[in-house]
Amino acid sequence: MTRKQLHGTLFCVGLTAAAALAVVAGAAAGGEEKPYSVGADGKVDWYTFSGFRRYHAECHVCHGPDGLGSSFGPGLAESLKTMSYDEYLDIVVNGKENVSNANFRKMPAFGENRNVMCFVDDIYAYLKARSDGAIGRGRPENEPKPAEVAARDSACLG
């Protein structure tokens, strides 16, 4: 079972965000694989494209377009060069106190926000692709949406 499948399953059965964090983090502990794919034609997989869409719906207000940062939040494309998946997930789920930014002292927790948590791995895939330089700025072209994605999204969002 992939991280994406596992994460969607956890929310379908109603586990809390903390329990989801523990199980998903354990699944990720086996090593960092690329959570995205970019074809020879430059098209990204659906999950990475979904992450682009969700990032720009929920995260870019503070973290800037394309993960480049703003006066409120750090550039996540840069942060993911040194941040593990586990650290990323912990911050998204639980928030972060004492952020080193004069304009913004706390990142809120998104563990109860289904618009983030149902797509947390998609957002990570997008940001990791940006961090690795695998995709550039702007809306990426994407592969078609797999049939199983509609069921995943519906099950998680309710």
N, C-alpha and C. Protein backbone atom coordinates (compact mmCIF):
# COMPACT_ATOMS: atom_id res chain seq x y z
N MET A 1 0.85 -1.18 0.00
CA MET A 1 0.00 0.00 0.00
C MET A 1 0.89 1.24 0.00
N THR A 2 0.63 2.18 -0.89
CA THR A 2 1.42 3.40 -0.95
C THR A 2 1.00 4.36 0.16
N ARG A 3 1.84 5.37 0.41
CA ARG A 3 1.51 6.39 1.39
C ARG A 3 0.19 7.05 1.04
N LYS A 4 -0.03 7.35 -0.25
CA LYS A 4 -1.27 8.01 -0.68
C LYS A 4 -2.48 7.14 -0.35
N GLN A 5 -2.39 5.86 -0.66
CA GLN A 5 -3.50 4.96 -0.39
C GLN A 5 -3.72 4.80 1.11
N LEU A 6 -2.63 4.66 1.86
CA LEU A 6 -2.73 4.50 3.30
C LEU A 6 -3.35 5.72 3.94
N HIS A 7 -2.90 6.90 3.55
CA HIS A 7 -3.42 8.13 4.14
C HIS A 7 -4.90 8.28 3.87
N GLY A 8 -5.33 8.05 2.64
CA GLY A 8 -6.75 8.14 2.31
C GLY A 8 -7.58 7.14 3.10
N THR A 9 -7.05 5.95 3.27
CA THR A 9 -7.74 4.92 4.02
C THR A 9 -7.91 5.32 5.47
N LEU A 10 -6.89 5.91 6.07
CA LEU A 10 -6.96 6.32 7.47
C LEU A 10 -8.10 7.30 7.70
N PHE A 11 -8.25 8.27 6.83
CA PHE A 11 -9.31 9.25 7.02
C PHE A 11 -10.67 8.65 6.72
N CYS A 12 -10.73 7.67 5.86
CA CYS A 12 -12.01 7.02 5.56
C CYS A 12 -12.55 6.29 6.78
N VAL A 13 -11.69 5.71 7.58
CA VAL A 13 -12.15 4.95 8.73
C VAL A 13 -12.25 5.82 9.98
N GLY A 14 -11.96 7.10 9.86
CA GLY A 14 -12.22 8.03 10.94
C GLY A 14 -11.14 8.13 12.00
N LEU A 15 -9.90 7.79 11.70
CA LEU A 15 -8.84 7.96 12.68
C LEU A 15 -8.58 9.44 12.90
N THR A 16 -8.10 9.78 14.07
CA THR A 16 -7.77 11.17 14.36
C THR A 16 -6.52 11.56 13.58
N ALA A 17 -6.28 12.85 13.50
CA ALA A 17 -5.09 13.35 12.81
C ALA A 17 -3.82 12.84 13.48
N ALA A 18 -3.80 12.75 14.80
CA ALA A 18 -2.60 12.28 15.50
C ALA A 18 -2.31 10.81 15.16
N ALA A 19 -3.36 9.99 15.12
CA ALA A 19 -3.17 8.58 14.77
C ALA A 19 -2.73 8.46 13.32
N ALA A 20 -3.32 9.27 12.46
CA ALA A 20 -2.93 9.25 11.05
C ALA A 20 -1.46 9.63 10.91
N LEU A 21 -1.04 10.63 11.66
CA LEU A 21 0.36 11.05 11.62
C LEU A 21 1.27 9.89 11.98
N ALA A 22 0.96 9.19 13.05
CA ALA A 22 1.81 8.10 13.51
C ALA A 22 1.91 6.98 12.47
N VAL A 23 0.78 6.59 11.88
CA VAL A 23 0.79 5.49 10.92
C VAL A 23 1.44 5.91 9.61
N VAL A 24 1.09 7.08 9.10
CA VAL A 24 1.65 7.53 7.83
C VAL A 24 3.14 7.79 7.99
N ALA A 25 3.56 8.37 9.10
CA ALA A 25 4.98 8.62 9.33
C ALA A 25 5.74 7.31 9.36
N GLY A 26 5.16 6.29 9.97
CA GLY A 26 5.80 4.99 10.00
C GLY A 26 5.95 4.41 8.60
N ALA A 27 4.96 4.62 7.75
CA ALA A 27 5.03 4.13 6.38
C ALA A 27 6.11 4.84 5.59
N ALA A 28 6.38 6.09 5.94
CA ALA A 28 7.38 6.88 5.22
C ALA A 28 8.79 6.63 5.73
N ALA A 29 8.94 6.00 6.89
CA ALA A 29 10.24 5.88 7.53
C ALA A 29 11.23 5.02 6.75
N GLY A 30 10.74 4.22 5.82
CA GLY A 30 11.61 3.32 5.10
C GLY A 30 12.56 3.98 4.12
N GLY A 31 12.54 5.27 3.98
CA GLY A 31 13.44 5.95 3.06
C GLY A 31 12.67 6.89 2.17
N GLU A 32 13.37 7.87 1.69
CA GLU A 32 12.74 8.92 0.89
C GLU A 32 12.77 8.55 -0.59
N GLU A 33 11.63 8.25 -1.14
CA GLU A 33 11.52 8.03 -2.56
C GLU A 33 10.90 9.29 -3.17
N LYS A 34 11.03 9.45 -4.44
CA LYS A 34 10.41 10.61 -5.08
C LYS A 34 8.90 10.39 -5.11
N PRO A 35 8.15 11.28 -4.49
CA PRO A 35 6.70 11.11 -4.44
C PRO A 35 5.99 11.65 -5.67
N TYR A 36 6.72 11.98 -6.68
CA TYR A 36 6.17 12.57 -7.90
C TYR A 36 6.80 11.88 -9.10
N SER A 37 6.17 12.06 -10.24
CA SER A 37 6.82 11.63 -11.48
C SER A 37 6.57 12.69 -12.54
N VAL A 38 7.58 12.89 -13.34
CA VAL A 38 7.53 13.86 -14.44
C VAL A 38 7.94 13.10 -15.69
N GLY A 39 7.04 13.07 -16.67
CA GLY A 39 7.32 12.36 -17.90
C GLY A 39 8.32 13.09 -18.78
N ALA A 40 8.77 12.41 -19.80
CA ALA A 40 9.71 13.02 -20.75
C ALA A 40 9.11 14.24 -21.43
N ASP A 41 7.77 14.26 -21.51
CA ASP A 41 7.08 15.40 -22.12
C ASP A 41 6.87 16.54 -21.13
N GLY A 42 7.34 16.36 -19.87
CA GLY A 42 7.20 17.39 -18.86
C GLY A 42 5.90 17.34 -18.07
N LYS A 43 5.01 16.41 -18.42
CA LYS A 43 3.75 16.30 -17.69
C LYS A 43 3.98 15.60 -16.35
N VAL A 44 3.31 16.11 -15.33
CA VAL A 44 3.40 15.50 -14.00
C VAL A 44 2.27 14.51 -13.81
N ASP A 45 2.47 13.59 -12.88
CA ASP A 45 1.40 12.65 -12.54
C ASP A 45 0.24 13.42 -11.92
N TRP A 46 -0.94 12.79 -11.87
CA TRP A 46 -2.14 13.46 -11.36
C TRP A 46 -1.96 13.93 -9.92
N TYR A 47 -1.33 13.12 -9.07
CA TYR A 47 -1.21 13.45 -7.66
C TYR A 47 -0.38 14.73 -7.46
N THR A 48 0.67 14.88 -8.24
CA THR A 48 1.49 16.09 -8.16
C THR A 48 0.68 17.29 -8.64
N PHE A 49 -0.10 17.11 -9.70
CA PHE A 49 -0.95 18.20 -10.19
C PHE A 49 -2.01 18.55 -9.14
N SER A 50 -2.59 17.53 -8.52
CA SER A 50 -3.55 17.77 -7.45
C SER A 50 -2.90 18.56 -6.32
N GLY A 51 -1.66 18.23 -6.01
CA GLY A 51 -0.92 18.97 -4.98
C GLY A 51 -0.73 20.43 -5.36
N PHE A 52 -0.45 20.69 -6.62
CA PHE A 52 -0.34 22.08 -7.10
C PHE A 52 -1.65 22.81 -6.84
N ARG A 53 -2.76 22.19 -7.22
CA ARG A 53 -4.07 22.81 -7.04
C ARG A 53 -4.38 23.06 -5.57
N ARG A 54 -4.15 22.05 -4.74
CA ARG A 54 -4.46 22.17 -3.31
C ARG A 54 -3.52 23.14 -2.61
N TYR A 55 -2.25 23.12 -2.97
CA TYR A 55 -1.30 24.08 -2.40
C TYR A 55 -1.78 25.50 -2.66
N HIS A 56 -2.17 25.77 -3.91
CA HIS A 56 -2.58 27.13 -4.25
C HIS A 56 -3.96 27.50 -3.70
N ALA A 57 -4.74 26.51 -3.27
CA ALA A 57 -6.03 26.78 -2.63
C ALA A 57 -5.87 27.03 -1.14
N GLU A 58 -4.90 26.39 -0.51
CA GLU A 58 -4.81 26.43 0.96
C GLU A 58 -3.52 27.04 1.51
N CYS A 59 -2.42 26.93 0.82
CA CYS A 59 -1.11 27.24 1.41
C CYS A 59 -0.44 28.49 0.87
N HIS A 60 -0.71 28.84 -0.37
CA HIS A 60 0.07 29.91 -0.99
C HIS A 60 -0.21 31.28 -0.39
N VAL A 61 -1.32 31.44 0.31
CA VAL A 61 -1.63 32.73 0.93
C VAL A 61 -0.49 33.14 1.86
N CYS A 62 0.05 32.18 2.60
CA CYS A 62 1.16 32.48 3.52
C CYS A 62 2.52 32.13 2.93
N HIS A 63 2.59 31.03 2.18
CA HIS A 63 3.88 30.52 1.71
C HIS A 63 4.23 30.95 0.28
N GLY A 64 3.40 31.79 -0.31
CA GLY A 64 3.70 32.34 -1.62
C GLY A 64 3.41 31.40 -2.77
N PRO A 65 3.26 31.97 -3.96
CA PRO A 65 3.01 31.14 -5.14
C PRO A 65 4.20 30.23 -5.43
N ASP A 66 3.92 29.04 -5.88
CA ASP A 66 4.94 28.08 -6.30
C ASP A 66 5.88 27.67 -5.17
N GLY A 67 5.46 27.87 -3.92
CA GLY A 67 6.28 27.46 -2.78
C GLY A 67 7.50 28.32 -2.54
N LEU A 68 7.47 29.56 -3.06
CA LEU A 68 8.66 30.41 -2.99
C LEU A 68 8.75 31.26 -1.73
N GLY A 69 7.69 31.28 -0.91
CA GLY A 69 7.73 32.05 0.32
C GLY A 69 7.13 33.43 0.15
N SER A 70 6.90 34.08 1.30
CA SER A 70 6.35 35.44 1.31
C SER A 70 6.79 36.10 2.61
N SER A 71 6.23 37.27 2.87
CA SER A 71 6.57 37.95 4.12
C SER A 71 5.92 37.27 5.32
N PHE A 72 5.01 36.32 5.10
CA PHE A 72 4.34 35.62 6.19
C PHE A 72 4.90 34.23 6.45
N GLY A 73 5.31 33.53 5.42
CA GLY A 73 5.77 32.15 5.60
C GLY A 73 6.97 31.84 4.75
N PRO A 74 7.77 30.86 5.18
CA PRO A 74 8.98 30.52 4.43
C PRO A 74 8.67 29.87 3.09
N GLY A 75 9.65 29.86 2.23
CA GLY A 75 9.55 29.18 0.95
C GLY A 75 9.65 27.68 1.17
N LEU A 76 8.55 26.99 0.94
CA LEU A 76 8.53 25.56 1.21
C LEU A 76 9.32 24.76 0.18
N ALA A 77 9.46 25.28 -1.02
CA ALA A 77 10.28 24.60 -2.01
C ALA A 77 11.73 24.54 -1.51
N GLU A 78 12.17 25.56 -0.84
CA GLU A 78 13.52 25.57 -0.26
C GLU A 78 13.56 24.72 1.00
N SER A 79 12.55 24.83 1.85
CA SER A 79 12.52 24.08 3.12
C SER A 79 12.57 22.58 2.89
N LEU A 80 11.91 22.09 1.86
CA LEU A 80 11.87 20.65 1.62
C LEU A 80 13.20 20.08 1.14
N LYS A 81 14.18 20.94 0.90
CA LYS A 81 15.52 20.43 0.55
C LYS A 81 16.18 19.78 1.76
N THR A 82 15.77 20.20 2.96
CA THR A 82 16.37 19.65 4.18
C THR A 82 15.34 19.03 5.12
N MET A 83 14.08 19.21 4.86
CA MET A 83 13.02 18.71 5.73
C MET A 83 12.56 17.33 5.26
N SER A 84 12.43 16.41 6.21
CA SER A 84 11.94 15.07 5.87
C SER A 84 10.42 15.10 5.72
N TYR A 85 9.89 14.03 5.16
CA TYR A 85 8.44 13.89 5.05
C TYR A 85 7.81 13.91 6.44
N ASP A 86 8.43 13.22 7.38
CA ASP A 86 7.89 13.17 8.74
C ASP A 86 7.81 14.57 9.36
N GLU A 87 8.84 15.37 9.18
CA GLU A 87 8.83 16.74 9.71
C GLU A 87 7.73 17.57 9.03
N TYR A 88 7.64 17.45 7.72
CA TYR A 88 6.60 18.15 6.96
C TYR A 88 5.21 17.79 7.51
N LEU A 89 4.94 16.50 7.64
CA LEU A 89 3.64 16.05 8.08
C LEU A 89 3.35 16.52 9.50
N ASP A 90 4.32 16.46 10.38
CA ASP A 90 4.14 16.91 11.75
C ASP A 90 3.75 18.39 11.79
N ILE A 91 4.42 19.21 11.01
CA ILE A 91 4.12 20.65 11.00
C ILE A 91 2.74 20.92 10.40
N VAL A 92 2.39 20.24 9.32
CA VAL A 92 1.07 20.44 8.71
C VAL A 92 -0.03 20.03 9.68
N VAL A 93 0.12 18.88 10.31
CA VAL A 93 -0.91 18.37 11.21
C VAL A 93 -1.01 19.20 12.48
N ASN A 94 0.12 19.50 13.10
CA ASN A 94 0.14 20.12 14.43
C ASN A 94 0.43 21.61 14.45
N GLY A 95 0.83 22.19 13.34
CA GLY A 95 1.22 23.59 13.32
C GLY A 95 2.62 23.76 13.86
N LYS A 96 3.03 25.01 13.97
CA LYS A 96 4.38 25.28 14.47
C LYS A 96 4.36 26.60 15.23
N GLU A 97 4.88 26.56 16.45
CA GLU A 97 4.98 27.74 17.30
C GLU A 97 6.30 28.45 17.03
N ASN A 98 6.35 29.72 17.38
CA ASN A 98 7.58 30.51 17.34
C ASN A 98 8.29 30.44 15.99
N VAL A 99 7.55 30.65 14.96
CA VAL A 99 8.11 30.69 13.62
C VAL A 99 9.02 31.91 13.55
N SER A 100 10.16 31.77 12.94
CA SER A 100 11.13 32.87 12.90
C SER A 100 10.78 33.87 11.80
N ASN A 101 9.67 34.56 12.00
CA ASN A 101 9.22 35.56 11.04
C ASN A 101 8.55 36.68 11.82
N ALA A 102 8.99 37.89 11.61
CA ALA A 102 8.44 39.03 12.36
C ALA A 102 6.96 39.27 12.07
N ASN A 103 6.48 38.87 10.89
CA ASN A 103 5.09 39.11 10.51
C ASN A 103 4.14 38.00 10.94
N PHE A 104 4.66 36.85 11.26
CA PHE A 104 3.80 35.70 11.52
C PHE A 104 4.49 34.81 12.53
N ARG A 105 3.93 34.66 13.71
CA ARG A 105 4.59 33.93 14.79
C ARG A 105 4.16 32.48 14.94
N LYS A 106 3.10 32.07 14.26
CA LYS A 106 2.62 30.70 14.44
C LYS A 106 1.98 30.20 13.15
N MET A 107 2.36 29.00 12.76
CA MET A 107 1.65 28.35 11.67
C MET A 107 0.53 27.54 12.31
N PRO A 108 -0.71 27.72 11.84
CA PRO A 108 -1.81 26.97 12.44
C PRO A 108 -1.75 25.48 12.09
N ALA A 109 -2.39 24.68 12.91
CA ALA A 109 -2.51 23.24 12.66
C ALA A 109 -3.60 23.02 11.62
N PHE A 110 -3.35 22.11 10.70
CA PHE A 110 -4.32 21.78 9.67
C PHE A 110 -4.83 20.35 9.81
N GLY A 111 -4.54 19.70 10.94
CA GLY A 111 -4.91 18.31 11.16
C GLY A 111 -6.40 18.02 11.06
N GLU A 112 -7.24 19.03 11.27
CA GLU A 112 -8.68 18.84 11.19
C GLU A 112 -9.27 19.39 9.88
N ASN A 113 -8.43 19.92 9.03
CA ASN A 113 -8.88 20.52 7.77
C ASN A 113 -8.81 19.47 6.66
N ARG A 114 -9.95 18.95 6.27
CA ARG A 114 -9.97 17.90 5.24
C ARG A 114 -9.47 18.40 3.89
N ASN A 115 -9.63 19.68 3.61
CA ASN A 115 -9.14 20.21 2.34
C ASN A 115 -7.62 20.15 2.25
N VAL A 116 -6.97 20.05 3.40
CA VAL A 116 -5.53 19.87 3.44
C VAL A 116 -5.19 18.39 3.67
N MET A 117 -5.77 17.81 4.70
CA MET A 117 -5.36 16.46 5.10
C MET A 117 -5.71 15.38 4.08
N CYS A 118 -6.79 15.54 3.36
CA CYS A 118 -7.12 14.55 2.33
C CYS A 118 -6.11 14.58 1.19
N PHE A 119 -5.36 15.66 1.08
CA PHE A 119 -4.44 15.85 -0.04
C PHE A 119 -3.02 16.16 0.43
N VAL A 120 -2.72 15.86 1.69
CA VAL A 120 -1.42 16.23 2.26
C VAL A 120 -0.27 15.58 1.49
N ASP A 121 -0.45 14.36 1.02
CA ASP A 121 0.61 13.72 0.24
C ASP A 121 0.72 14.32 -1.16
N ASP A 122 -0.40 14.72 -1.73
CA ASP A 122 -0.37 15.39 -3.03
C ASP A 122 0.39 16.71 -2.94
N ILE A 123 0.11 17.47 -1.87
CA ILE A 123 0.79 18.74 -1.66
C ILE A 123 2.28 18.50 -1.48
N TYR A 124 2.62 17.48 -0.72
CA TYR A 124 4.03 17.14 -0.53
C TYR A 124 4.69 16.79 -1.87
N ALA A 125 4.01 15.99 -2.68
CA ALA A 125 4.57 15.61 -3.98
C ALA A 125 4.86 16.85 -4.82
N TYR A 126 3.92 17.78 -4.86
CA TYR A 126 4.11 19.02 -5.61
C TYR A 126 5.30 19.82 -5.08
N LEU A 127 5.33 20.02 -3.77
CA LEU A 127 6.42 20.81 -3.17
C LEU A 127 7.77 20.13 -3.33
N LYS A 128 7.79 18.82 -3.21
CA LYS A 128 9.05 18.09 -3.39
C LYS A 128 9.54 18.19 -4.83
N ALA A 129 8.63 18.13 -5.78
CA ALA A 129 9.01 18.30 -7.19
C ALA A 129 9.58 19.70 -7.42
N ARG A 130 8.97 20.70 -6.79
CA ARG A 130 9.50 22.07 -6.88
C ARG A 130 10.87 22.16 -6.21
N SER A 131 10.99 21.54 -5.04
CA SER A 131 12.24 21.57 -4.28
C SER A 131 13.38 20.91 -5.05
N ASP A 132 13.08 19.80 -5.69
CA ASP A 132 14.10 19.06 -6.44
C ASP A 132 14.40 19.68 -7.80
N GLY A 133 13.64 20.72 -8.19
CA GLY A 133 13.85 21.33 -9.50
C GLY A 133 13.28 20.51 -10.64
N ALA A 134 12.42 19.54 -10.31
CA ALA A 134 11.84 18.67 -11.34
C ALA A 134 10.76 19.39 -12.15
N ILE A 135 10.13 20.39 -11.54
CA ILE A 135 9.14 21.21 -12.25
C ILE A 135 9.41 22.68 -11.94
N GLY A 136 9.03 23.52 -12.86
CA GLY A 136 9.24 24.95 -12.70
C GLY A 136 8.03 25.64 -12.10
N ARG A 137 8.06 26.94 -12.17
CA ARG A 137 6.95 27.74 -11.66
C ARG A 137 5.74 27.62 -12.57
N GLY A 138 4.58 27.91 -12.01
CA GLY A 138 3.35 27.92 -12.80
C GLY A 138 2.64 26.59 -12.79
N ARG A 139 1.51 26.59 -13.46
CA ARG A 139 0.65 25.41 -13.51
C ARG A 139 1.29 24.34 -14.39
N PRO A 140 1.58 23.17 -13.81
CA PRO A 140 2.19 22.11 -14.62
C PRO A 140 1.15 21.41 -15.49
N GLU A 141 1.58 20.94 -16.63
CA GLU A 141 0.71 20.08 -17.43
C GLU A 141 0.68 18.73 -16.73
N ASN A 142 -0.43 18.02 -16.86
CA ASN A 142 -0.58 16.80 -16.09
C ASN A 142 -1.11 15.64 -16.91
N GLU A 143 -0.82 14.47 -16.37
CA GLU A 143 -1.38 13.23 -16.90
C GLU A 143 -2.85 13.19 -16.53
N PRO A 144 -3.64 12.37 -17.21
CA PRO A 144 -5.08 12.27 -16.87
C PRO A 144 -5.30 11.79 -15.44
N LYS A 145 -6.46 12.11 -14.93
CA LYS A 145 -6.84 11.71 -13.57
C LYS A 145 -7.16 10.22 -13.56
N PRO A 146 -6.49 9.45 -12.71
CA PRO A 146 -6.79 8.01 -12.62
C PRO A 146 -8.20 7.78 -12.08
N ALA A 147 -8.81 6.70 -12.49
CA ALA A 147 -10.19 6.39 -12.09
C ALA A 147 -10.34 6.28 -10.58
N GLU A 148 -9.34 5.73 -9.89
CA GLU A 148 -9.46 5.52 -8.44
C GLU A 148 -9.40 6.82 -7.63
N VAL A 149 -8.98 7.91 -8.23
CA VAL A 149 -8.84 9.17 -7.49
C VAL A 149 -10.20 9.71 -7.06
N ALA A 150 -11.21 9.60 -7.90
CA ALA A 150 -12.53 10.11 -7.54
C ALA A 150 -13.06 9.41 -6.30
N ALA A 151 -12.86 8.10 -6.21
CA ALA A 151 -13.31 7.35 -5.03
C ALA A 151 -12.51 7.76 -3.79
N ARG A 152 -11.20 7.94 -3.94
CA ARG A 152 -10.35 8.37 -2.82
C ARG A 152 -10.82 9.71 -2.30
N ASP A 153 -11.01 10.66 -3.20
CA ASP A 153 -11.40 12.00 -2.80
C ASP A 153 -12.78 12.02 -2.15
N SER A 154 -13.71 11.31 -2.74
CA SER A 154 -15.07 11.26 -2.21
C SER A 154 -15.09 10.61 -0.82
N ALA A 155 -14.35 9.53 -0.65
CA ALA A 155 -14.31 8.84 0.64
C ALA A 155 -13.71 9.73 1.72
N CYS A 156 -12.71 10.47 1.38
CA CYS A 156 -12.04 11.31 2.38
C CYS A 156 -12.83 12.58 2.69
N LEU A 157 -13.35 13.22 1.66
CA LEU A 157 -14.05 14.49 1.86
C LEU A 157 -15.48 14.29 2.38
N GLY A 158 -16.02 13.11 2.17
CA GLY A 158 -17.37 12.81 2.67
C GLY A 158 -18.48 13.15 1.75
